[in-house]
Amino acid sequence: TGLLRPDEGDIRLDGTSLVGLRPHAIVSRGIARTFQSIRLFQ
């Protein structure tokens, strides 16, 4: 999800690399996540 950047290797969504993209750009490409600790706008 772009919160960290790998030292090596690649991450591809539908064949397109996501490495170096910011989190909002990764979301817009079609990846969403939830968290272990709930992060709602309470």
PDB file of all heavy atoms in Angstrom:
ATOM      1  N   THR A   1       0.805  -1.230   0.000  1.00  0.00           N
ATOM      2  CA  THR A   1       0.000   0.000   0.000  1.00  0.00           C
ATOM      3  C   THR A   1       0.834   1.274   0.000  1.00  0.00           C
ATOM      4  O   THR A   1       0.280   2.372   0.117  1.00  0.00           O
ATOM      5  CB  THR A   1      -0.947   0.010   1.214  1.00  0.00           C
ATOM      6  OG1 THR A   1      -0.194  -0.169   2.418  1.00  0.00           O
ATOM      7  CG2 THR A   1      -1.973  -1.106   1.098  1.00  0.00           C
ATOM      8  N   GLY A   2       2.141   1.147  -0.154  1.00  0.00           N
ATOM      9  CA  GLY A   2       2.984   2.323  -0.323  1.00  0.00           C
ATOM     10  C   GLY A   2       3.397   3.025   0.947  1.00  0.00           C
ATOM     11  O   GLY A   2       4.000   4.103   0.886  1.00  0.00           O
ATOM     12  N   LEU A   3       3.102   2.461   2.118  1.00  0.00           N
ATOM     13  CA  LEU A   3       3.556   3.063   3.371  1.00  0.00           C
ATOM     14  C   LEU A   3       5.040   2.814   3.595  1.00  0.00           C
ATOM     15  O   LEU A   3       5.704   3.570   4.305  1.00  0.00           O
ATOM     16  CB  LEU A   3       2.750   2.505   4.551  1.00  0.00           C
ATOM     17  CG  LEU A   3       1.247   2.802   4.526  1.00  0.00           C
ATOM     18  CD1 LEU A   3       0.554   2.150   5.713  1.00  0.00           C
ATOM     19  CD2 LEU A   3       0.997   4.308   4.517  1.00  0.00           C
ATOM     20  N   LEU A   4       5.548   1.750   2.984  1.00  0.00           N
ATOM     21  CA  LEU A   4       6.972   1.456   2.992  1.00  0.00           C
ATOM     22  C   LEU A   4       7.416   1.208   1.551  1.00  0.00           C
ATOM     23  O   LEU A   4       6.603   0.856   0.698  1.00  0.00           O
ATOM     24  CB  LEU A   4       7.285   0.211   3.838  1.00  0.00           C
ATOM     25  CG  LEU A   4       6.992   0.281   5.339  1.00  0.00           C
ATOM     26  CD1 LEU A   4       7.183  -1.093   5.971  1.00  0.00           C
ATOM     27  CD2 LEU A   4       7.882   1.312   6.022  1.00  0.00           C
ATOM     28  N   ARG A   5       8.719   1.359   1.311  1.00  0.00           N
ATOM     29  CA  ARG A   5       9.272   1.074  -0.022  1.00  0.00           C
ATOM     30  C   ARG A   5      10.285  -0.051   0.100  1.00  0.00           C
ATOM     31  O   ARG A   5      11.141  -0.030   0.986  1.00  0.00           O
ATOM     32  CB  ARG A   5       9.932   2.321  -0.605  1.00  0.00           C
ATOM     33  CG  ARG A   5      10.447   2.122  -2.022  1.00  0.00           C
ATOM     34  CD  ARG A   5      10.746   3.427  -2.705  1.00  0.00           C
ATOM     35  NE  ARG A   5      11.178   3.213  -4.083  1.00  0.00           N
ATOM     36  CZ  ARG A   5      11.245   4.171  -5.000  1.00  0.00           C
ATOM     37  NH1 ARG A   5      10.891   5.415  -4.666  1.00  0.00           N
ATOM     38  NH2 ARG A   5      11.645   3.912  -6.226  1.00  0.00           N
ATOM     39  N   PRO A   6      10.205  -1.053  -0.760  1.00  0.00           N
ATOM     40  CA  PRO A   6      11.120  -2.190  -0.629  1.00  0.00           C
ATOM     41  C   PRO A   6      12.560  -1.819  -0.961  1.00  0.00           C
ATOM     42  O   PRO A   6      12.811  -0.915  -1.762  1.00  0.00           O
ATOM     43  CB  PRO A   6      10.564  -3.201  -1.638  1.00  0.00           C
ATOM     44  CG  PRO A   6       9.861  -2.359  -2.660  1.00  0.00           C
ATOM     45  CD  PRO A   6       9.274  -1.207  -1.893  1.00  0.00           C
ATOM     46  N   ASP A   7      13.488  -2.554  -0.341  1.00  0.00           N
ATOM     47  CA  ASP A   7      14.898  -2.404  -0.716  1.00  0.00           C
ATOM     48  C   ASP A   7      15.154  -3.057  -2.066  1.00  0.00           C
ATOM     49  O   ASP A   7      15.955  -2.574  -2.867  1.00  0.00           O
ATOM     50  CB  ASP A   7      15.803  -3.071   0.338  1.00  0.00           C
ATOM     51  CG  ASP A   7      15.686  -2.418   1.696  1.00  0.00           C
ATOM     52  OD1 ASP A   7      15.428  -1.198   1.755  1.00  0.00           O
ATOM     53  OD2 ASP A   7      15.853  -3.128   2.708  1.00  0.00           O
ATOM     54  N   GLU A   8      14.477  -4.172  -2.285  1.00  0.00           N
ATOM     55  CA  GLU A   8      14.617  -4.920  -3.541  1.00  0.00           C
ATOM     56  C   GLU A   8      13.261  -5.521  -3.901  1.00  0.00           C
ATOM     57  O   GLU A   8      12.392  -5.669  -3.052  1.00  0.00           O
ATOM     58  CB  GLU A   8      15.646  -6.052  -3.390  1.00  0.00           C
ATOM     59  CG  GLU A   8      17.033  -5.593  -2.996  1.00  0.00           C
ATOM     60  CD  GLU A   8      17.941  -6.769  -2.683  1.00  0.00           C
ATOM     61  OE1 GLU A   8      17.565  -7.925  -2.993  1.00  0.00           O
ATOM     62  OE2 GLU A   8      19.008  -6.543  -2.113  1.00  0.00           O
ATOM     63  N   GLY A   9      13.131  -5.885  -5.172  1.00  0.00           N
ATOM     64  CA  GLY A   9      11.935  -6.581  -5.611  1.00  0.00           C
ATOM     65  C   GLY A   9      10.887  -5.651  -6.206  1.00  0.00           C
ATOM     66  O   GLY A   9      11.070  -4.434  -6.266  1.00  0.00           O
ATOM     67  N   ASP A  10       9.795  -6.256  -6.628  1.00  0.00           N
ATOM     68  CA  ASP A  10       8.748  -5.497  -7.316  1.00  0.00           C
ATOM     69  C   ASP A  10       7.375  -5.913  -6.793  1.00  0.00           C
ATOM     70  O   ASP A  10       7.179  -7.030  -6.309  1.00  0.00           O
ATOM     71  CB  ASP A  10       8.825  -5.753  -8.821  1.00  0.00           C
ATOM     72  CG  ASP A  10       8.115  -4.681  -9.643  1.00  0.00           C
ATOM     73  OD1 ASP A  10       7.690  -3.658  -9.056  1.00  0.00           O
ATOM     74  OD2 ASP A  10       7.990  -4.867 -10.867  1.00  0.00           O
ATOM     75  N   ILE A  11       6.433  -4.974  -6.902  1.00  0.00           N
ATOM     76  CA  ILE A  11       5.030  -5.189  -6.552  1.00  0.00           C
ATOM     77  C   ILE A  11       4.218  -4.764  -7.760  1.00  0.00           C
ATOM     78  O   ILE A  11       4.286  -3.608  -8.184  1.00  0.00           O
ATOM     79  CB  ILE A  11       4.613  -4.336  -5.335  1.00  0.00           C
ATOM     80  CG1 ILE A  11       5.519  -4.626  -4.145  1.00  0.00           C
ATOM     81  CG2 ILE A  11       3.144  -4.573  -4.982  1.00  0.00           C
ATOM     82  CD1 ILE A  11       5.433  -3.567  -3.058  1.00  0.00           C
ATOM     83  N   ARG A  12       3.445  -5.692  -8.333  1.00  0.00           N
ATOM     84  CA  ARG A  12       2.710  -5.383  -9.563  1.00  0.00           C
ATOM     85  C   ARG A  12       1.220  -5.658  -9.387  1.00  0.00           C
ATOM     86  O   ARG A  12       0.837  -6.693  -8.842  1.00  0.00           O
ATOM     87  CB  ARG A  12       3.252  -6.202 -10.737  1.00  0.00           C
ATOM     88  CG  ARG A  12       4.691  -5.877 -11.096  1.00  0.00           C
ATOM     89  CD  ARG A  12       5.136  -6.598 -12.365  1.00  0.00           C
ATOM     90  NE  ARG A  12       5.053  -8.047 -12.231  1.00  0.00           N
ATOM     91  CZ  ARG A  12       5.962  -8.807 -11.656  1.00  0.00           C
ATOM     92  NH1 ARG A  12       7.057  -8.241 -11.144  1.00  0.00           N
ATOM     93  NH2 ARG A  12       5.809 -10.109 -11.584  1.00  0.00           N
ATOM     94  N   LEU A  13       0.421  -4.727  -9.840  1.00  0.00           N
ATOM     95  CA  LEU A  13      -1.024  -4.885  -9.896  1.00  0.00           C
ATOM     96  C   LEU A  13      -1.410  -4.955 -11.362  1.00  0.00           C
ATOM     97  O   LEU A  13      -1.147  -4.013 -12.115  1.00  0.00           O
ATOM     98  CB  LEU A  13      -1.735  -3.713  -9.215  1.00  0.00           C
ATOM     99  CG  LEU A  13      -3.263  -3.788  -9.204  1.00  0.00           C
ATOM    100  CD1 LEU A  13      -3.727  -4.900  -8.264  1.00  0.00           C
ATOM    101  CD2 LEU A  13      -3.870  -2.450  -8.779  1.00  0.00           C
ATOM    102  N   ASP A  14      -1.978  -6.086 -11.775  1.00  0.00           N
ATOM    103  CA  ASP A  14      -2.309  -6.302 -13.187  1.00  0.00           C
ATOM    104  C   ASP A  14      -1.104  -6.042 -14.083  1.00  0.00           C
ATOM    105  O   ASP A  14      -1.227  -5.474 -15.172  1.00  0.00           O
ATOM    106  CB  ASP A  14      -3.483  -5.418 -13.610  1.00  0.00           C
ATOM    107  CG  ASP A  14      -4.779  -5.829 -12.941  1.00  0.00           C
ATOM    108  OD1 ASP A  14      -4.979  -7.036 -12.718  1.00  0.00           O
ATOM    109  OD2 ASP A  14      -5.596  -4.936 -12.628  1.00  0.00           O
ATOM    110  N   GLY A  15       0.074  -6.436 -13.599  1.00  0.00           N
ATOM    111  CA  GLY A  15       1.283  -6.332 -14.398  1.00  0.00           C
ATOM    112  C   GLY A  15       1.995  -5.000 -14.343  1.00  0.00           C
ATOM    113  O   GLY A  15       3.092  -4.862 -14.901  1.00  0.00           O
ATOM    114  N   THR A  16       1.426  -4.012 -13.676  1.00  0.00           N
ATOM    115  CA  THR A  16       2.027  -2.683 -13.592  1.00  0.00           C
ATOM    116  C   THR A  16       2.637  -2.467 -12.214  1.00  0.00           C
ATOM    117  O   THR A  16       1.981  -2.683 -11.200  1.00  0.00           O
ATOM    118  CB  THR A  16       0.977  -1.591 -13.862  1.00  0.00           C
ATOM    119  OG1 THR A  16       0.420  -1.789 -15.164  1.00  0.00           O
ATOM    120  CG2 THR A  16       1.601  -0.195 -13.795  1.00  0.00           C
ATOM    121  N   SER A  17       3.887  -2.014 -12.179  1.00  0.00           N
ATOM    122  CA  SER A  17       4.583  -1.842 -10.912  1.00  0.00           C
ATOM    123  C   SER A  17       3.969  -0.720 -10.081  1.00  0.00           C
ATOM    124  O   SER A  17       3.597   0.339 -10.605  1.00  0.00           O
ATOM    125  CB  SER A  17       6.060  -1.530 -11.154  1.00  0.00           C
ATOM    126  OG  SER A  17       6.736  -1.346  -9.922  1.00  0.00           O
ATOM    127  N   LEU A  18       3.876  -0.980  -8.769  1.00  0.00           N
ATOM    128  CA  LEU A  18       3.381   0.019  -7.825  1.00  0.00           C
ATOM    129  C   LEU A  18       4.497   0.654  -7.012  1.00  0.00           C
ATOM    130  O   LEU A  18       4.241   1.592  -6.246  1.00  0.00           O
ATOM    131  CB  LEU A  18       2.382  -0.635  -6.857  1.00  0.00           C
ATOM    132  CG  LEU A  18       1.157  -1.321  -7.453  1.00  0.00           C
ATOM    133  CD1 LEU A  18       0.319  -1.947  -6.345  1.00  0.00           C
ATOM    134  CD2 LEU A  18       0.308  -0.341  -8.261  1.00  0.00           C
ATOM    135  N   VAL A  19       5.713   0.154  -7.147  1.00  0.00           N
ATOM    136  CA  VAL A  19       6.820   0.630  -6.316  1.00  0.00           C
ATOM    137  C   VAL A  19       7.080   2.108  -6.595  1.00  0.00           C
ATOM    138  O   VAL A  19       7.209   2.529  -7.746  1.00  0.00           O
ATOM    139  CB  VAL A  19       8.095  -0.196  -6.576  1.00  0.00           C
ATOM    140  CG1 VAL A  19       9.287   0.393  -5.814  1.00  0.00           C
ATOM    141  CG2 VAL A  19       7.884  -1.643  -6.153  1.00  0.00           C
ATOM    142  N   GLY A  20       7.136   2.894  -5.520  1.00  0.00           N
ATOM    143  CA  GLY A  20       7.382   4.326  -5.630  1.00  0.00           C
ATOM    144  C   GLY A  20       6.128   5.170  -5.676  1.00  0.00           C
ATOM    145  O   GLY A  20       6.207   6.399  -5.552  1.00  0.00           O
ATOM    146  N   LEU A  21       4.956   4.532  -5.845  1.00  0.00           N
ATOM    147  CA  LEU A  21       3.711   5.296  -5.844  1.00  0.00           C
ATOM    148  C   LEU A  21       3.295   5.637  -4.418  1.00  0.00           C
ATOM    149  O   LEU A  21       3.544   4.879  -3.487  1.00  0.00           O
ATOM    150  CB  LEU A  21       2.590   4.502  -6.504  1.00  0.00           C
ATOM    151  CG  LEU A  21       2.746   4.184  -7.994  1.00  0.00           C
ATOM    152  CD1 LEU A  21       1.531   3.409  -8.488  1.00  0.00           C
ATOM    153  CD2 LEU A  21       2.927   5.454  -8.814  1.00  0.00           C
ATOM    154  N   ARG A  22       2.640   6.776  -4.253  1.00  0.00           N
ATOM    155  CA  ARG A  22       2.129   7.167  -2.946  1.00  0.00           C
ATOM    156  C   ARG A  22       0.853   6.382  -2.626  1.00  0.00           C
ATOM    157  O   ARG A  22       0.180   5.896  -3.528  1.00  0.00           O
ATOM    158  CB  ARG A  22       1.876   8.674  -2.909  1.00  0.00           C
ATOM    159  CG  ARG A  22       3.161   9.492  -3.074  1.00  0.00           C
ATOM    160  CD  ARG A  22       2.863  10.982  -3.134  1.00  0.00           C
ATOM    161  NE  ARG A  22       2.341  11.467  -1.880  1.00  0.00           N
ATOM    162  CZ  ARG A  22       3.098  11.849  -0.845  1.00  0.00           C
ATOM    163  NH1 ARG A  22       4.411  11.775  -0.915  1.00  0.00           N
ATOM    164  NH2 ARG A  22       2.542  12.306   0.260  1.00  0.00           N
ATOM    165  N   PRO A  23       0.519   6.263  -1.331  1.00  0.00           N
ATOM    166  CA  PRO A  23      -0.646   5.443  -0.957  1.00  0.00           C
ATOM    167  C   PRO A  23      -1.932   5.799  -1.687  1.00  0.00           C
ATOM    168  O   PRO A  23      -2.673   4.908  -2.111  1.00  0.00           O
ATOM    169  CB  PRO A  23      -0.747   5.687   0.553  1.00  0.00           C
ATOM    170  CG  PRO A  23       0.664   5.916   0.992  1.00  0.00           C
ATOM    171  CD  PRO A  23       1.285   6.704  -0.140  1.00  0.00           C
ATOM    172  N   HIS A  24      -2.220   7.109  -1.856  1.00  0.00           N
ATOM    173  CA  HIS A  24      -3.485   7.478  -2.511  1.00  0.00           C
ATOM    174  C   HIS A  24      -3.500   7.036  -3.971  1.00  0.00           C
ATOM    175  O   HIS A  24      -4.552   6.701  -4.521  1.00  0.00           O
ATOM    176  CB  HIS A  24      -3.732   8.984  -2.393  1.00  0.00           C
ATOM    177  CG  HIS A  24      -2.829   9.829  -3.242  1.00  0.00           C
ATOM    178  ND1 HIS A  24      -1.585  10.250  -2.817  1.00  0.00           N
ATOM    179  CD2 HIS A  24      -2.986  10.321  -4.495  1.00  0.00           C
ATOM    180  CE1 HIS A  24      -1.004  10.968  -3.767  1.00  0.00           C
ATOM    181  NE2 HIS A  24      -1.839  11.023  -4.793  1.00  0.00           N
ATOM    182  N   ALA A  25      -2.325   7.023  -4.616  1.00  0.00           N
ATOM    183  CA  ALA A  25      -2.256   6.582  -6.006  1.00  0.00           C
ATOM    184  C   ALA A  25      -2.493   5.084  -6.110  1.00  0.00           C
ATOM    185  O   ALA A  25      -3.093   4.602  -7.075  1.00  0.00           O
ATOM    186  CB  ALA A  25      -0.898   6.949  -6.609  1.00  0.00           C
ATOM    187  N   ILE A  26      -2.026   4.336  -5.110  1.00  0.00           N
ATOM    188  CA  ILE A  26      -2.231   2.885  -5.097  1.00  0.00           C
ATOM    189  C   ILE A  26      -3.714   2.569  -4.871  1.00  0.00           C
ATOM    190  O   ILE A  26      -4.272   1.668  -5.503  1.00  0.00           O
ATOM    191  CB  ILE A  26      -1.329   2.240  -4.033  1.00  0.00           C
ATOM    192  CG1 ILE A  26       0.135   2.376  -4.479  1.00  0.00           C
ATOM    193  CG2 ILE A  26      -1.697   0.779  -3.807  1.00  0.00           C
ATOM    194  CD1 ILE A  26       1.151   1.948  -3.440  1.00  0.00           C
ATOM    195  N   VAL A  27      -4.357   3.331  -3.988  1.00  0.00           N
ATOM    196  CA  VAL A  27      -5.803   3.161  -3.786  1.00  0.00           C
ATOM    197  C   VAL A  27      -6.552   3.407  -5.089  1.00  0.00           C
ATOM    198  O   VAL A  27      -7.445   2.643  -5.468  1.00  0.00           O
ATOM    199  CB  VAL A  27      -6.316   4.109  -2.688  1.00  0.00           C
ATOM    200  CG1 VAL A  27      -7.839   4.104  -2.640  1.00  0.00           C
ATOM    201  CG2 VAL A  27      -5.763   3.704  -1.326  1.00  0.00           C
ATOM    202  N   SER A  28      -6.190   4.455  -5.794  1.00  0.00           N
ATOM    203  CA  SER A  28      -6.894   4.795  -7.028  1.00  0.00           C
ATOM    204  C   SER A  28      -6.704   3.738  -8.108  1.00  0.00           C
ATOM    205  O   SER A  28      -7.531   3.610  -9.019  1.00  0.00           O
ATOM    206  CB  SER A  28      -6.433   6.162  -7.553  1.00  0.00           C
ATOM    207  OG  SER A  28      -5.097   6.100  -8.027  1.00  0.00           O
ATOM    208  N   ARG A  29      -5.640   2.946  -7.999  1.00  0.00           N
ATOM    209  CA  ARG A  29      -5.394   1.869  -8.964  1.00  0.00           C
ATOM    210  C   ARG A  29      -6.149   0.592  -8.619  1.00  0.00           C
ATOM    211  O   ARG A  29      -6.169  -0.336  -9.406  1.00  0.00           O
ATOM    212  CB  ARG A  29      -3.896   1.610  -9.095  1.00  0.00           C
ATOM    213  CG  ARG A  29      -3.205   2.623 -10.014  1.00  0.00           C
ATOM    214  CD  ARG A  29      -1.708   2.647  -9.798  1.00  0.00           C
ATOM    215  NE  ARG A  29      -1.050   3.493 -10.788  1.00  0.00           N
ATOM    216  CZ  ARG A  29      -1.043   4.826 -10.758  1.00  0.00           C
ATOM    217  NH1 ARG A  29      -1.718   5.459  -9.802  1.00  0.00           N
ATOM    218  NH2 ARG A  29      -0.410   5.529 -11.678  1.00  0.00           N
ATOM    219  N   GLY A  30      -6.722   0.532  -7.399  1.00  0.00           N
ATOM    220  CA  GLY A  30      -7.595  -0.602  -7.123  1.00  0.00           C
ATOM    221  C   GLY A  30      -7.225  -1.484  -5.959  1.00  0.00           C
ATOM    222  O   GLY A  30      -7.644  -2.642  -5.910  1.00  0.00           O
ATOM    223  N   ILE A  31      -6.459  -0.960  -4.989  1.00  0.00           N
ATOM    224  CA  ILE A  31      -6.138  -1.729  -3.782  1.00  0.00           C
ATOM    225  C   ILE A  31      -6.663  -0.975  -2.565  1.00  0.00           C
ATOM    226  O   ILE A  31      -6.379   0.210  -2.387  1.00  0.00           O
ATOM    227  CB  ILE A  31      -4.626  -1.958  -3.636  1.00  0.00           C
ATOM    228  CG1 ILE A  31      -4.102  -2.841  -4.777  1.00  0.00           C
ATOM    229  CG2 ILE A  31      -4.307  -2.623  -2.295  1.00  0.00           C
ATOM    230  CD1 ILE A  31      -2.608  -3.121  -4.719  1.00  0.00           C
ATOM    231  N   ALA A  32      -7.416  -1.664  -1.729  1.00  0.00           N
ATOM    232  CA  ALA A  32      -7.914  -1.082  -0.481  1.00  0.00           C
ATOM    233  C   ALA A  32      -7.517  -1.987   0.664  1.00  0.00           C
ATOM    234  O   ALA A  32      -7.279  -3.180   0.472  1.00  0.00           O
ATOM    235  CB  ALA A  32      -9.436  -0.925  -0.529  1.00  0.00           C
ATOM    236  N   ARG A  33      -7.453  -1.422   1.878  1.00  0.00           N
ATOM    237  CA  ARG A  33      -7.054  -2.241   3.024  1.00  0.00           C
ATOM    238  C   ARG A  33      -7.824  -1.824   4.271  1.00  0.00           C
ATOM    239  O   ARG A  33      -8.367  -0.714   4.357  1.00  0.00           O
ATOM    240  CB  ARG A  33      -5.552  -2.115   3.298  1.00  0.00           C
ATOM    241  CG  ARG A  33      -5.151  -0.832   4.009  1.00  0.00           C
ATOM    242  CD  ARG A  33      -3.675  -0.808   4.374  1.00  0.00           C
ATOM    243  NE  ARG A  33      -3.357  -1.701   5.480  1.00  0.00           N
ATOM    244  CZ  ARG A  33      -2.135  -1.802   6.027  1.00  0.00           C
ATOM    245  NH1 ARG A  33      -1.136  -1.067   5.561  1.00  0.00           N
ATOM    246  NH2 ARG A  33      -1.923  -2.609   7.028  1.00  0.00           N
ATOM    247  N   THR A  34      -7.872  -2.754   5.208  1.00  0.00           N
ATOM    248  CA  THR A  34      -8.295  -2.446   6.564  1.00  0.00           C
ATOM    249  C   THR A  34      -7.092  -2.681   7.474  1.00  0.00           C
ATOM    250  O   THR A  34      -6.083  -3.250   7.059  1.00  0.00           O
ATOM    251  CB  THR A  34      -9.469  -3.328   7.012  1.00  0.00           C
ATOM    252  OG1 THR A  34      -9.035  -4.694   7.083  1.00  0.00           O
ATOM    253  CG2 THR A  34     -10.637  -3.210   6.048  1.00  0.00           C
ATOM    254  N   PHE A  35      -7.220  -2.250   8.734  1.00  0.00           N
ATOM    255  CA  PHE A  35      -6.090  -2.305   9.656  1.00  0.00           C
ATOM    256  C   PHE A  35      -6.411  -3.192  10.854  1.00  0.00           C
ATOM    257  O   PHE A  35      -7.574  -3.375  11.223  1.00  0.00           O
ATOM    258  CB  PHE A  35      -5.732  -0.897  10.143  1.00  0.00           C
ATOM    259  CG  PHE A  35      -5.174  -0.006   9.068  1.00  0.00           C
ATOM    260  CD1 PHE A  35      -6.017   0.697   8.225  1.00  0.00           C
ATOM    261  CD2 PHE A  35      -3.811   0.113   8.895  1.00  0.00           C
ATOM    262  CE1 PHE A  35      -5.519   1.510   7.223  1.00  0.00           C
ATOM    263  CE2 PHE A  35      -3.284   0.925   7.899  1.00  0.00           C
ATOM    264  CZ  PHE A  35      -4.139   1.629   7.062  1.00  0.00           C
ATOM    265  N   GLN A  36      -5.342  -3.716  11.456  1.00  0.00           N
ATOM    266  CA  GLN A  36      -5.513  -4.536  12.657  1.00  0.00           C
ATOM    267  C   GLN A  36      -6.195  -3.738  13.757  1.00  0.00           C
ATOM    268  O   GLN A  36      -7.088  -4.235  14.441  1.00  0.00           O
ATOM    269  CB  GLN A  36      -4.153  -5.059  13.127  1.00  0.00           C
ATOM    270  CG  GLN A  36      -4.230  -5.959  14.346  1.00  0.00           C
ATOM    271  CD  GLN A  36      -2.860  -6.484  14.735  1.00  0.00           C
ATOM    272  OE1 GLN A  36      -1.872  -6.294  14.019  1.00  0.00           O
ATOM    273  NE2 GLN A  36      -2.789  -7.136  15.876  1.00  0.00           N
ATOM    274  N   SER A  37      -5.761  -2.491  13.944  1.00  0.00           N
ATOM    275  CA  SER A  37      -6.420  -1.577  14.871  1.00  0.00           C
ATOM    276  C   SER A  37      -7.403  -0.728  14.073  1.00  0.00           C
ATOM    277  O   SER A  37      -7.006  -0.064  13.113  1.00  0.00           O
ATOM    278  CB  SER A  37      -5.395  -0.670  15.569  1.00  0.00           C
ATOM    279  OG  SER A  37      -4.463  -1.443  16.298  1.00  0.00           O
ATOM    280  N   ILE A  38      -8.662  -0.772  14.445  1.00  0.00           N
ATOM    281  CA  ILE A  38      -9.709  -0.081  13.684  1.00  0.00           C
ATOM    282  C   ILE A  38      -9.387   1.402  13.555  1.00  0.00           C
ATOM    283  O   ILE A  38      -9.049   2.070  14.539  1.00  0.00           O
ATOM    284  CB  ILE A  38     -11.075  -0.270  14.369  1.00  0.00           C
ATOM    285  CG1 ILE A  38     -11.482  -1.743  14.322  1.00  0.00           C
ATOM    286  CG2 ILE A  38     -12.147   0.575  13.687  1.00  0.00           C
ATOM    287  CD1 ILE A  38     -12.728  -2.063  15.108  1.00  0.00           C
ATOM    288  N   ARG A  39      -9.497   1.923  12.336  1.00  0.00           N
ATOM    289  CA  ARG A  39      -9.166   3.335  12.078  1.00  0.00           C
ATOM    290  C   ARG A  39     -10.338   4.016  11.379  1.00  0.00           C
ATOM    291  O   ARG A  39     -10.250   4.424  10.222  1.00  0.00           O
ATOM    292  CB  ARG A  39      -7.900   3.442  11.231  1.00  0.00           C
ATOM    293  CG  ARG A  39      -6.682   2.831  11.909  1.00  0.00           C
ATOM    294  CD  ARG A  39      -5.413   3.093  11.152  1.00  0.00           C
ATOM    295  NE  ARG A  39      -4.265   2.436  11.759  1.00  0.00           N
ATOM    296  CZ  ARG A  39      -3.009   2.549  11.336  1.00  0.00           C
ATOM    297  NH1 ARG A  39      -2.744   3.308  10.278  1.00  0.00           N
ATOM    298  NH2 ARG A  39      -2.030   1.909  11.947  1.00  0.00           N
ATOM    299  N   LEU A  40     -11.419   4.138  12.110  1.00  0.00           N
ATOM    300  CA  LEU A  40     -12.580   4.862  11.608  1.00  0.00           C
ATOM    301  C   LEU A  40     -12.524   6.316  12.050  1.00  0.00           C
ATOM    302  O   LEU A  40     -11.776   6.677  12.957  1.00  0.00           O
ATOM    303  CB  LEU A  40     -13.868   4.220  12.138  1.00  0.00           C
ATOM    304  CG  LEU A  40     -14.159   2.789  11.694  1.00  0.00           C
ATOM    305  CD1 LEU A  40     -15.352   2.242  12.452  1.00  0.00           C
ATOM    306  CD2 LEU A  40     -14.395   2.723  10.186  1.00  0.00           C
ATOM    307  N   PHE A  41     -13.342   7.145  11.407  1.00  0.00           N
ATOM    308  CA  PHE A  41     -13.552   8.513  11.881  1.00  0.00           C
ATOM    309  C   PHE A  41     -14.662   8.432  12.915  1.00  0.00           C
ATOM    310  O   PHE A  41     -15.853   8.462  12.598  1.00  0.00           O
ATOM    311  CB  PHE A  41     -13.903   9.434  10.713  1.00  0.00           C
ATOM    312  CG  PHE A  41     -12.803   9.560   9.710  1.00  0.00           C
ATOM    313  CD1 PHE A  41     -12.816   8.817   8.537  1.00  0.00           C
ATOM    314  CD2 PHE A  41     -11.729  10.411   9.937  1.00  0.00           C
ATOM    315  CE1 PHE A  41     -11.797   8.915   7.608  1.00  0.00           C
ATOM    316  CE2 PHE A  41     -10.695  10.528   9.020  1.00  0.00           C
ATOM    317  CZ  PHE A  41     -10.731   9.774   7.851  1.00  0.00           C
ATOM    318  N   GLN A  42     -14.245   8.321  14.175  1.00  0.00           N
ATOM    319  CA  GLN A  42     -15.175   7.949  15.243  1.00  0.00           C
ATOM    320  C   GLN A  42     -16.282   8.973  15.458  1.00  0.00           C
ATOM    321  O   GLN A  42     -17.390   8.614  15.866  1.00  0.00           O
ATOM    322  CB  GLN A  42     -14.389   7.740  16.549  1.00  0.00           C
ATOM    323  CG  GLN A  42     -13.398   6.592  16.500  1.00  0.00           C
ATOM    324  CD  GLN A  42     -14.076   5.231  16.522  1.00  0.00           C
ATOM    325  OE1 GLN A  42     -15.244   5.105  16.856  1.00  0.00           O
ATOM    326  NE2 GLN A  42     -13.343   4.189  16.142  1.00  0.00           N
TER     327      GLN A  42
END
